[in-house]
Amino acid sequence: MSDYRLGIDLGGTKIEIAALDPTGEIVIRRREANPGTYDALLHKIAEMVEQTLAETAPVATVGIGIPGSIDAQSRCVKNANAVWLNGKPFGDDLERILGTAVRVENDANCFALSEAIDGAAAGHKVVFGTILGSGVGGGIVVNNEPLTGPHHVAGEWGHIPLPWVRQEEFPLPKCFCGNEGCIERFLCGSALAELWKGPGNRSTHGIEEAAQAGDQTAVKALDIYIERLGRAFALLVNLLDPDVIVLGGGVSNLSSIYSRVPDMMRRYVVTPECKTEIVKNKHGDSSGVRGAAWLWG
């Protein structure tokens, strides 16, 4: 096996590739636009891999994180928000084009793995990583290995109902998955933005500064969001009891999460003490591509 690892992070609009050297440092990193069609995507990835190998080593392991997962039975992509990927044998096709083995994993699992290996959660046995952004993703890593499950949906806490729901939270918001009241619909970035500035708003930029300046709508929005996040994290503790919860995505930049949510969690966990750490990611937007590279251990 080569000492070099290539990681690829596949997003809705971009493809990012990075090469990690034997010490785990990124030596090459570049981005290109996602062409948005299946065949063009395969060829674009092959082109990026070939170019990166030419600059590092002729042989390297290849891992890729995708906004979905590979179904164990059909070997095809499922649950991808880039819907044109669903139903395609992406991993098999990519291996055929590249002529080498490829490991494909959910992007939230890659994020969690990156932070568990040498990020904010390094040294912990059970790590839960969550991306609080346009959606709410989650991944579980145990002893530096992603925990996926037979259906490859372990960690998908965004599609669990928000626990201990309040009367005023009805009617429950509908989710794209077909259910109602999913955690994702309460805790994604746009949910906080709408609490602050009303329906249709998607940006949370400046909300903490506004609250500190006396904007009572911003204060109330943060209070509601942090209380809901406390409930959702308490559910994780009661079910999984991770050593640490590491946050990514745009909402992870809110400092009040780290100072206020632990106290909220303690109201709902079924233990007299709750010492679960909640930490911000170390590697930022590099975590996805780093985690993909670390799929080869």
C-alpha atoms as a PDB file:
ATOM      1  CA  MET A   1       0.000   0.000   0.000  1.00  0.00           C
ATOM      2  CA  SER A   2       1.219   3.484  -0.831  1.00  0.00           C
ATOM      3  CA  ASP A   3       2.157   5.877   1.946  1.00  0.00           C
ATOM      4  CA  TYR A   4       0.138   8.570   0.188  1.00  0.00           C
ATOM      5  CA  ARG A   5      -3.617   8.840   0.622  1.00  0.00           C
ATOM      6  CA  LEU A   6      -5.958  10.687  -1.719  1.00  0.00           C
ATOM      7  CA  GLY A   7      -9.211  12.024  -0.327  1.00  0.00           C
ATOM      8  CA  ILE A   8     -12.086  13.355  -2.404  1.00  0.00           C
ATOM      9  CA  ASP A   9     -15.012  15.346  -1.035  1.00  0.00           C
ATOM     10  CA  LEU A  10     -17.975  15.393  -3.399  1.00  0.00           C
ATOM     11  CA  GLY A  11     -20.351  18.308  -2.874  1.00  0.00           C
ATOM     12  CA  GLY A  12     -23.388  19.529  -4.722  1.00  0.00           C
ATOM     13  CA  THR A  13     -21.437  22.197  -6.605  1.00  0.00           C
ATOM     14  CA  LYS A  14     -17.774  21.247  -6.180  1.00  0.00           C
ATOM     15  CA  ILE A  15     -15.301  18.382  -6.108  1.00  0.00           C
ATOM     16  CA  GLU A  16     -12.336  18.719  -3.775  1.00  0.00           C
ATOM     17  CA  ILE A  17      -9.286  16.483  -3.800  1.00  0.00           C
ATOM     18  CA  ALA A  18      -6.374  16.407  -1.363  1.00  0.00           C
ATOM     19  CA  ALA A  19      -3.255  14.296  -1.013  1.00  0.00           C
ATOM     20  CA  LEU A  20      -2.010  13.390   2.455  1.00  0.00           C
ATOM     21  CA  ASP A  21       1.662  12.537   2.845  1.00  0.00           C
ATOM     22  CA  PRO A  22       2.929   9.746   5.136  1.00  0.00           C
ATOM     23  CA  THR A  23       2.711  12.077   8.169  1.00  0.00           C
ATOM     24  CA  GLY A  24      -0.940  12.940   7.459  1.00  0.00           C
ATOM     25  CA  GLU A  25      -0.238  16.466   6.201  1.00  0.00           C
ATOM     26  CA  ILE A  26      -2.058  17.834   3.154  1.00  0.00           C
ATOM     27  CA  VAL A  27       0.514  18.414   0.420  1.00  0.00           C
ATOM     28  CA  ILE A  28      -1.870  19.090  -2.468  1.00  0.00           C
ATOM     29  CA  ARG A  29      -5.407  20.410  -2.355  1.00  0.00           C
ATOM     30  CA  ARG A  30      -7.559  21.680  -5.200  1.00  0.00           C
ATOM     31  CA  ARG A  31     -11.197  22.213  -6.102  1.00  0.00           C
ATOM     32  CA  GLU A  32     -13.129  21.995  -9.340  1.00  0.00           C
ATOM     33  CA  ALA A  33     -16.762  22.510 -10.232  1.00  0.00           C
ATOM     34  CA  ASN A  34     -19.062  19.501 -10.069  1.00  0.00           C
ATOM     35  CA  PRO A  35     -20.257  19.047 -13.677  1.00  0.00           C
ATOM     36  CA  GLY A  36     -23.672  17.912 -12.447  1.00  0.00           C
ATOM     37  CA  THR A  37     -24.083  14.814 -14.617  1.00  0.00           C
ATOM     38  CA  TYR A  38     -23.040  11.281 -13.775  1.00  0.00           C
ATOM     39  CA  ASP A  39     -20.687  10.372 -16.632  1.00  0.00           C
ATOM     40  CA  ALA A  40     -19.037  13.796 -16.595  1.00  0.00           C
ATOM     41  CA  LEU A  41     -18.518  13.474 -12.838  1.00  0.00           C
ATOM     42  CA  LEU A  42     -16.728  10.140 -13.180  1.00  0.00           C
ATOM     43  CA  HIS A  43     -14.393  11.502 -15.823  1.00  0.00           C
ATOM     44  CA  LYS A  44     -13.718  14.709 -13.889  1.00  0.00           C
ATOM     45  CA  ILE A  45     -12.749  12.723 -10.773  1.00  0.00           C
ATOM     46  CA  ALA A  46     -10.489  10.462 -12.861  1.00  0.00           C
ATOM     47  CA  GLU A  47      -8.808  13.529 -14.329  1.00  0.00           C
ATOM     48  CA  MET A  48      -8.244  15.072 -10.885  1.00  0.00           C
ATOM     49  CA  VAL A  49      -6.859  11.803  -9.480  1.00  0.00           C
ATOM     50  CA  GLU A  50      -4.471  11.394 -12.415  1.00  0.00           C
ATOM     51  CA  GLN A  51      -3.217  14.950 -12.051  1.00  0.00           C
ATOM     52  CA  THR A  52      -2.701  14.578  -8.288  1.00  0.00           C
ATOM     53  CA  LEU A  53      -0.870  11.261  -8.633  1.00  0.00           C
ATOM     54  CA  ALA A  54       1.461  12.837 -11.160  1.00  0.00           C
ATOM     55  CA  GLU A  55       2.458  15.377  -8.501  1.00  0.00           C
ATOM     56  CA  THR A  56       2.797  12.969  -5.549  1.00  0.00           C
ATOM     57  CA  ALA A  57       3.302   9.253  -6.184  1.00  0.00           C
ATOM     58  CA  PRO A  58       2.275   6.867  -8.954  1.00  0.00           C
ATOM     59  CA  VAL A  59       0.246   4.803  -6.467  1.00  0.00           C
ATOM     60  CA  ALA A  60      -1.988   6.015  -3.649  1.00  0.00           C
ATOM     61  CA  THR A  61      -5.101   4.880  -1.847  1.00  0.00           C
ATOM     62  CA  VAL A  62      -8.322   6.655  -2.827  1.00  0.00           C
ATOM     63  CA  GLY A  63     -11.259   7.447  -0.544  1.00  0.00           C
ATOM     64  CA  ILE A  64     -14.278   9.570  -1.348  1.00  0.00           C
ATOM     65  CA  GLY A  65     -17.018  11.149   0.734  1.00  0.00           C
ATOM     66  CA  ILE A  66     -20.428  11.606  -0.865  1.00  0.00           C
ATOM     67  CA  PRO A  67     -23.686  13.296   0.218  1.00  0.00           C
ATOM     68  CA  GLY A  68     -25.400   9.918   0.555  1.00  0.00           C
ATOM     69  CA  SER A  69     -24.332   6.317   1.038  1.00  0.00           C
ATOM     70  CA  ILE A  70     -23.817   3.061  -0.828  1.00  0.00           C
ATOM     71  CA  ASP A  71     -26.569   0.481  -0.387  1.00  0.00           C
ATOM     72  CA  ALA A  72     -25.017  -2.807   0.750  1.00  0.00           C
ATOM     73  CA  GLN A  73     -27.323  -4.930  -1.402  1.00  0.00           C
ATOM     74  CA  SER A  74     -27.536  -3.045  -4.701  1.00  0.00           C
ATOM     75  CA  ARG A  75     -24.119  -1.332  -4.387  1.00  0.00           C
ATOM     76  CA  CYS A  76     -25.812   1.815  -5.660  1.00  0.00           C
ATOM     77  CA  VAL A  77     -26.013   5.280  -4.137  1.00  0.00           C
ATOM     78  CA  LYS A  78     -29.044   6.137  -1.975  1.00  0.00           C
ATOM     79  CA  ASN A  79     -30.201   9.163   0.029  1.00  0.00           C
ATOM     80  CA  ALA A  80     -28.039  11.613  -1.957  1.00  0.00           C
ATOM     81  CA  ASN A  81     -29.309  15.180  -2.212  1.00  0.00           C
ATOM     82  CA  ALA A  82     -27.623  15.243  -5.625  1.00  0.00           C
ATOM     83  CA  VAL A  83     -30.521  13.096  -6.813  1.00  0.00           C
ATOM     84  CA  TRP A  84     -28.894  12.171 -10.124  1.00  0.00           C
ATOM     85  CA  LEU A  85     -26.411  10.057  -8.142  1.00  0.00           C
ATOM     86  CA  ASN A  86     -29.136   7.898  -6.593  1.00  0.00           C
ATOM     87  CA  GLY A  87     -29.418   4.435  -8.090  1.00  0.00           C
ATOM     88  CA  LYS A  88     -25.972   4.608  -9.699  1.00  0.00           C
ATOM     89  CA  PRO A  89     -23.190   2.068  -8.955  1.00  0.00           C
ATOM     90  CA  PHE A  90     -20.840   4.966  -8.239  1.00  0.00           C
ATOM     91  CA  GLY A  91     -18.133   3.095  -6.329  1.00  0.00           C
ATOM     92  CA  ASP A  92     -17.954   0.244  -8.829  1.00  0.00           C
ATOM     93  CA  ASP A  93     -17.883   2.613 -11.797  1.00  0.00           C
ATOM     94  CA  LEU A  94     -15.185   4.747 -10.223  1.00  0.00           C
ATOM     95  CA  GLU A  95     -13.022   1.690  -9.525  1.00  0.00           C
ATOM     96  CA  ARG A  96     -13.417   0.601 -13.148  1.00  0.00           C
ATOM     97  CA  ILE A  97     -12.360   3.993 -14.509  1.00  0.00           C
ATOM     98  CA  LEU A  98      -9.468   4.489 -12.064  1.00  0.00           C
ATOM     99  CA  GLY A  99      -8.282   0.876 -12.205  1.00  0.00           C
ATOM    100  CA  THR A 100      -7.841   0.741  -8.429  1.00  0.00           C
ATOM    101  CA  ALA A 101      -9.833   0.026  -5.280  1.00  0.00           C
ATOM    102  CA  VAL A 102     -11.891   2.958  -3.936  1.00  0.00           C
ATOM    103  CA  ARG A 103     -13.588   3.351  -0.562  1.00  0.00           C
ATOM    104  CA  VAL A 104     -16.795   5.392  -0.603  1.00  0.00           C
ATOM    105  CA  GLU A 105     -18.387   6.734   2.566  1.00  0.00           C
ATOM    106  CA  ASN A 106     -21.017   9.222   3.686  1.00  0.00           C
ATOM    107  CA  ASP A 107     -19.579  12.730   3.971  1.00  0.00           C
ATOM    108  CA  ALA A 108     -20.688  13.178   7.602  1.00  0.00           C
ATOM    109  CA  ASN A 109     -18.884   9.943   8.499  1.00  0.00           C
ATOM    110  CA  CYS A 110     -15.784  11.316   6.783  1.00  0.00           C
ATOM    111  CA  PHE A 111     -16.066  14.513   8.817  1.00  0.00           C
ATOM    112  CA  ALA A 112     -16.359  12.529  12.063  1.00  0.00           C
ATOM    113  CA  LEU A 113     -13.446  10.275  11.108  1.00  0.00           C
ATOM    114  CA  SER A 114     -11.181  13.215  10.313  1.00  0.00           C
ATOM    115  CA  GLU A 115     -11.863  14.855  13.665  1.00  0.00           C
ATOM    116  CA  ALA A 116     -11.447  11.533  15.501  1.00  0.00           C
ATOM    117  CA  ILE A 117      -8.116  10.666  13.868  1.00  0.00           C
ATOM    118  CA  ASP A 118      -6.213  13.895  14.432  1.00  0.00           C
ATOM    119  CA  GLY A 119      -8.758  16.636  14.997  1.00  0.00           C
ATOM    120  CA  ALA A 120     -10.780  18.055  17.856  1.00  0.00           C
ATOM    121  CA  ALA A 121     -11.861  14.578  19.007  1.00  0.00           C
ATOM    122  CA  ALA A 122      -8.470  12.858  18.786  1.00  0.00           C
ATOM    123  CA  GLY A 123      -7.838  10.357  21.556  1.00  0.00           C
ATOM    124  CA  HIS A 124     -11.501   9.584  22.229  1.00  0.00           C
ATOM    125  CA  LYS A 125     -13.023   6.136  21.811  1.00  0.00           C
ATOM    126  CA  VAL A 126     -16.589   7.018  20.754  1.00  0.00           C
ATOM    127  CA  VAL A 127     -17.026  10.160  18.663  1.00  0.00           C
ATOM    128  CA  PHE A 128     -20.216  11.633  17.280  1.00  0.00           C
ATOM    129  CA  GLY A 129     -19.666  14.197  14.542  1.00  0.00           C
ATOM    130  CA  THR A 130     -22.480  16.397  13.312  1.00  0.00           C
ATOM    131  CA  ILE A 131     -22.658  18.942  10.518  1.00  0.00           C
ATOM    132  CA  LEU A 132     -25.093  21.759  11.280  1.00  0.00           C
ATOM    133  CA  GLY A 133     -25.470  23.524   7.964  1.00  0.00           C
ATOM    134  CA  SER A 134     -28.031  23.528   5.174  1.00  0.00           C
ATOM    135  CA  GLY A 135     -29.028  20.145   6.584  1.00  0.00           C
ATOM    136  CA  VAL A 136     -28.126  18.140   9.672  1.00  0.00           C
ATOM    137  CA  GLY A 137     -25.822  15.189   9.137  1.00  0.00           C
ATOM    138  CA  GLY A 138     -24.194  12.873  11.624  1.00  0.00           C
ATOM    139  CA  GLY A 139     -21.518  10.228  11.807  1.00  0.00           C
ATOM    140  CA  ILE A 140     -20.290   7.806  14.482  1.00  0.00           C
ATOM    141  CA  VAL A 141     -16.662   6.726  14.874  1.00  0.00           C
ATOM    142  CA  VAL A 142     -15.607   4.015  17.336  1.00  0.00           C
ATOM    143  CA  ASN A 143     -11.910   3.330  17.885  1.00  0.00           C
ATOM    144  CA  ASN A 144     -11.093   5.376  14.763  1.00  0.00           C
ATOM    145  CA  GLU A 145     -13.425   3.311  12.559  1.00  0.00           C
ATOM    146  CA  PRO A 146     -16.715   4.599  11.084  1.00  0.00           C
ATOM    147  CA  LEU A 147     -19.776   2.808  12.453  1.00  0.00           C
ATOM    148  CA  THR A 148     -22.206   2.380   9.565  1.00  0.00           C
ATOM    149  CA  GLY A 149     -24.598  -0.529  10.184  1.00  0.00           C
ATOM    150  CA  PRO A 150     -26.155  -3.026   7.748  1.00  0.00           C
ATOM    151  CA  HIS A 151     -28.325  -0.336   6.108  1.00  0.00           C
ATOM    152  CA  HIS A 152     -25.546   2.260   6.132  1.00  0.00           C
ATOM    153  CA  VAL A 153     -27.676   4.804   7.985  1.00  0.00           C
ATOM    154  CA  ALA A 154     -26.027   4.826  11.426  1.00  0.00           C
ATOM    155  CA  GLY A 155     -25.643   8.378  12.678  1.00  0.00           C
ATOM    156  CA  GLU A 156     -28.498   9.841  10.620  1.00  0.00           C
ATOM    157  CA  TRP A 157     -29.867  11.672  13.637  1.00  0.00           C
ATOM    158  CA  GLY A 158     -31.184  14.493  11.453  1.00  0.00           C
ATOM    159  CA  HIS A 159     -34.084  12.219  10.568  1.00  0.00           C
ATOM    160  CA  ILE A 160     -35.042  11.325  14.118  1.00  0.00           C
ATOM    161  CA  PRO A 161     -37.916  13.394  15.568  1.00  0.00           C
ATOM    162  CA  LEU A 162     -36.945  16.273  17.845  1.00  0.00           C
ATOM    163  CA  PRO A 163     -37.386  14.832  21.363  1.00  0.00           C
ATOM    164  CA  TRP A 164     -39.569  16.174  24.171  1.00  0.00           C
ATOM    165  CA  VAL A 165     -41.561  18.208  21.666  1.00  0.00           C
ATOM    166  CA  ARG A 166     -43.483  21.242  22.965  1.00  0.00           C
ATOM    167  CA  GLN A 167     -47.108  22.126  22.289  1.00  0.00           C
ATOM    168  CA  GLU A 168     -46.018  25.372  20.626  1.00  0.00           C
ATOM    169  CA  GLU A 169     -43.857  23.411  18.162  1.00  0.00           C
ATOM    170  CA  PHE A 170     -46.929  21.989  16.472  1.00  0.00           C
ATOM    171  CA  PRO A 171     -47.716  21.665  13.627  1.00  0.00           C
ATOM    172  CA  LEU A 172     -44.438  19.848  13.096  1.00  0.00           C
ATOM    173  CA  PRO A 173     -42.485  20.956  10.019  1.00  0.00           C
ATOM    174  CA  LYS A 174     -42.437  18.586   7.063  1.00  0.00           C
ATOM    175  CA  CYS A 175     -39.098  17.104   6.020  1.00  0.00           C
ATOM    176  CA  PHE A 176     -37.926  16.134   2.536  1.00  0.00           C
ATOM    177  CA  CYS A 177     -37.566  12.549   3.796  1.00  0.00           C
ATOM    178  CA  GLY A 178     -41.364  12.332   3.956  1.00  0.00           C
ATOM    179  CA  ASN A 179     -41.758  12.542   7.727  1.00  0.00           C
ATOM    180  CA  GLU A 180     -42.598  15.396  10.066  1.00  0.00           C
ATOM    181  CA  GLY A 181     -40.756  16.917  13.013  1.00  0.00           C
ATOM    182  CA  CYS A 182     -37.256  15.724  12.051  1.00  0.00           C
ATOM    183  CA  ILE A 183     -34.340  17.206  13.980  1.00  0.00           C
ATOM    184  CA  GLU A 184     -32.984  18.548  10.689  1.00  0.00           C
ATOM    185  CA  ARG A 185     -36.000  20.813  10.203  1.00  0.00           C
ATOM    186  CA  PHE A 186     -35.461  22.352  13.660  1.00  0.00           C
ATOM    187  CA  LEU A 187     -31.647  22.587  13.768  1.00  0.00           C
ATOM    188  CA  CYS A 188     -30.411  23.321  10.236  1.00  0.00           C
ATOM    189  CA  GLY A 189     -28.971  26.761   9.596  1.00  0.00           C
ATOM    190  CA  SER A 190     -32.049  28.049   7.793  1.00  0.00           C
ATOM    191  CA  ALA A 191     -34.246  27.040  10.753  1.00  0.00           C
ATOM    192  CA  LEU A 192     -32.255  29.380  13.005  1.00  0.00           C
ATOM    193  CA  ALA A 193     -32.280  32.109  10.338  1.00  0.00           C
ATOM    194  CA  GLU A 194     -36.068  31.893  10.080  1.00  0.00           C
ATOM    195  CA  LEU A 195     -36.453  32.100  13.854  1.00  0.00           C
ATOM    196  CA  TRP A 196     -34.485  35.326  13.678  1.00  0.00           C
ATOM    197  CA  LYS A 197     -35.636  37.034  10.499  1.00  0.00           C
ATOM    198  CA  GLY A 198     -38.684  35.106   9.343  1.00  0.00           C
ATOM    199  CA  PRO A 199     -39.583  32.609   6.595  1.00  0.00           C
ATOM    200  CA  GLY A 200     -37.339  32.459   3.554  1.00  0.00           C
ATOM    201  CA  ASN A 201     -34.188  33.654   5.337  1.00  0.00           C
ATOM    202  CA  ARG A 202     -31.194  31.326   5.250  1.00  0.00           C
ATOM    203  CA  SER A 203     -28.225  33.199   6.737  1.00  0.00           C
ATOM    204  CA  THR A 204     -27.366  33.259  10.440  1.00  0.00           C
ATOM    205  CA  HIS A 205     -24.420  35.578   9.921  1.00  0.00           C
ATOM    206  CA  GLY A 206     -24.266  38.208  12.652  1.00  0.00           C
ATOM    207  CA  ILE A 207     -26.959  36.734  14.904  1.00  0.00           C
ATOM    208  CA  GLU A 208     -24.791  36.612  18.039  1.00  0.00           C
ATOM    209  CA  GLU A 209     -23.562  40.149  17.480  1.00  0.00           C
ATOM    210  CA  ALA A 210     -27.162  41.294  17.018  1.00  0.00           C
ATOM    211  CA  ALA A 211     -28.190  39.565  20.251  1.00  0.00           C
ATOM    212  CA  GLN A 212     -25.318  41.178  22.150  1.00  0.00           C
ATOM    213  CA  ALA A 213     -26.404  44.569  20.772  1.00  0.00           C
ATOM    214  CA  GLY A 214     -29.878  44.101  22.210  1.00  0.00           C
ATOM    215  CA  ASP A 215     -31.822  42.675  19.260  1.00  0.00           C
ATOM    216  CA  GLN A 216     -34.532  40.831  21.196  1.00  0.00           C
ATOM    217  CA  THR A 217     -35.609  38.802  18.168  1.00  0.00           C
ATOM    218  CA  ALA A 218     -32.048  37.500  17.850  1.00  0.00           C
ATOM    219  CA  VAL A 219     -31.923  36.799  21.605  1.00  0.00           C
ATOM    220  CA  LYS A 220     -35.164  34.800  21.458  1.00  0.00           C
ATOM    221  CA  ALA A 221     -34.102  32.911  18.327  1.00  0.00           C
ATOM    222  CA  LEU A 222     -30.843  31.827  19.957  1.00  0.00           C
ATOM    223  CA  ASP A 223     -32.632  30.854  23.179  1.00  0.00           C
ATOM    224  CA  ILE A 224     -35.068  28.622  21.283  1.00  0.00           C
ATOM    225  CA  TYR A 225     -32.377  27.087  19.075  1.00  0.00           C
ATOM    226  CA  ILE A 226     -29.962  26.336  21.938  1.00  0.00           C
ATOM    227  CA  GLU A 227     -32.717  24.738  24.015  1.00  0.00           C
ATOM    228  CA  ARG A 228     -33.686  22.512  21.085  1.00  0.00           C
ATOM    229  CA  LEU A 229     -30.057  21.616  20.441  1.00  0.00           C
ATOM    230  CA  GLY A 230     -29.728  20.666  24.112  1.00  0.00           C
ATOM    231  CA  ARG A 231     -32.677  18.297  23.787  1.00  0.00           C
ATOM    232  CA  ALA A 232     -31.287  16.751  20.610  1.00  0.00           C
ATOM    233  CA  PHE A 233     -27.808  16.250  22.097  1.00  0.00           C
ATOM    234  CA  ALA A 234     -29.335  14.755  25.261  1.00  0.00           C
ATOM    235  CA  LEU A 235     -31.034  12.188  23.026  1.00  0.00           C
ATOM    236  CA  LEU A 236     -27.601  11.296  21.631  1.00  0.00           C
ATOM    237  CA  VAL A 237     -26.176  10.880  25.120  1.00  0.00           C
ATOM    238  CA  ASN A 238     -29.086   8.711  26.272  1.00  0.00           C
ATOM    239  CA  LEU A 239     -28.790   6.506  23.179  1.00  0.00           C
ATOM    240  CA  LEU A 240     -25.082   6.428  22.305  1.00  0.00           C
ATOM    241  CA  ASP A 241     -23.259   8.066  25.240  1.00  0.00           C
ATOM    242  CA  PRO A 242     -20.337   9.328  23.119  1.00  0.00           C
ATOM    243  CA  ASP A 243     -17.150  10.623  24.694  1.00  0.00           C
ATOM    244  CA  VAL A 244     -17.379  13.779  22.607  1.00  0.00           C
ATOM    245  CA  ILE A 245     -19.690  15.517  20.143  1.00  0.00           C
ATOM    246  CA  VAL A 246     -17.775  17.486  17.512  1.00  0.00           C
ATOM    247  CA  LEU A 247     -19.550  20.127  15.435  1.00  0.00           C
ATOM    248  CA  GLY A 248     -19.073  21.251  11.847  1.00  0.00           C
ATOM    249  CA  GLY A 249     -21.029  23.374   9.398  1.00  0.00           C
ATOM    250  CA  GLY A 250     -21.837  27.055   9.541  1.00  0.00           C
ATOM    251  CA  VAL A 251     -23.809  26.907  12.793  1.00  0.00           C
ATOM    252  CA  SER A 252     -20.780  25.427  14.572  1.00  0.00           C
ATOM    253  CA  ASN A 253     -19.240  28.925  14.524  1.00  0.00           C
ATOM    254  CA  LEU A 254     -21.715  30.165  17.161  1.00  0.00           C
ATOM    255  CA  SER A 255     -19.739  30.461  20.395  1.00  0.00           C
ATOM    256  CA  SER A 256     -22.883  30.361  22.554  1.00  0.00           C
ATOM    257  CA  ILE A 257     -23.420  26.702  21.641  1.00  0.00           C
ATOM    258  CA  TYR A 258     -20.328  25.642  23.581  1.00  0.00           C
ATOM    259  CA  SER A 259     -21.056  27.795  26.611  1.00  0.00           C
ATOM    260  CA  ARG A 260     -24.815  27.186  26.920  1.00  0.00           C
ATOM    261  CA  VAL A 261     -25.813  23.830  25.415  1.00  0.00           C
ATOM    262  CA  PRO A 262     -24.091  21.614  28.047  1.00  0.00           C
ATOM    263  CA  ASP A 263     -26.350  23.057  30.754  1.00  0.00           C
ATOM    264  CA  MET A 264     -29.415  22.493  28.562  1.00  0.00           C
ATOM    265  CA  MET A 265     -28.432  18.855  27.998  1.00  0.00           C
ATOM    266  CA  ARG A 266     -28.283  18.153  31.730  1.00  0.00           C
ATOM    267  CA  ARG A 267     -32.035  18.743  32.040  1.00  0.00           C
ATOM    268  CA  TYR A 268     -32.765  15.759  29.804  1.00  0.00           C
ATOM    269  CA  VAL A 269     -30.008  13.153  30.188  1.00  0.00           C
ATOM    270  CA  VAL A 270     -30.737  10.168  32.436  1.00  0.00           C
ATOM    271  CA  THR A 271     -27.610  10.493  34.550  1.00  0.00           C
ATOM    272  CA  PRO A 272     -26.876  12.757  37.525  1.00  0.00           C
ATOM    273  CA  GLU A 273     -23.795  14.123  35.773  1.00  0.00           C
ATOM    274  CA  CYS A 274     -23.249  14.764  32.080  1.00  0.00           C
ATOM    275  CA  LYS A 275     -19.622  15.328  31.150  1.00  0.00           C
ATOM    276  CA  THR A 276     -19.968  14.830  27.386  1.00  0.00           C
ATOM    277  CA  GLU A 277     -17.689  17.298  25.655  1.00  0.00           C
ATOM    278  CA  ILE A 278     -19.079  19.492  22.875  1.00  0.00           C
ATOM    279  CA  VAL A 279     -16.271  20.830  20.718  1.00  0.00           C
ATOM    280  CA  LYS A 280     -15.805  22.740  17.503  1.00  0.00           C
ATOM    281  CA  ASN A 281     -14.019  21.004  14.642  1.00  0.00           C
ATOM    282  CA  LYS A 282     -10.258  21.506  14.223  1.00  0.00           C
ATOM    283  CA  HIS A 283      -9.890  21.041  10.480  1.00  0.00           C
ATOM    284  CA  GLY A 284     -12.743  23.244   9.248  1.00  0.00           C
ATOM    285  CA  ASP A 285     -13.719  22.690   5.633  1.00  0.00           C
ATOM    286  CA  SER A 286     -10.738  20.327   5.240  1.00  0.00           C
ATOM    287  CA  SER A 287     -12.353  17.705   7.460  1.00  0.00           C
ATOM    288  CA  GLY A 288     -14.437  16.083   4.731  1.00  0.00           C
ATOM    289  CA  VAL A 289     -11.572  15.539   2.338  1.00  0.00           C
ATOM    290  CA  ARG A 290      -9.184  14.520   5.141  1.00  0.00           C
ATOM    291  CA  GLY A 291     -11.677  11.982   6.454  1.00  0.00           C
ATOM    292  CA  ALA A 292     -12.097  10.508   2.989  1.00  0.00           C
ATOM    293  CA  ALA A 293      -8.334  10.019   2.781  1.00  0.00           C
ATOM    294  CA  TRP A 294      -8.318   8.373   6.229  1.00  0.00           C
ATOM    295  CA  LEU A 295     -10.851   5.738   5.107  1.00  0.00           C
ATOM    296  CA  TRP A 296      -7.802   3.598   4.360  1.00  0.00           C
ATOM    297  CA  GLY A 297      -6.513   3.809   7.930  1.00  0.00           C
END
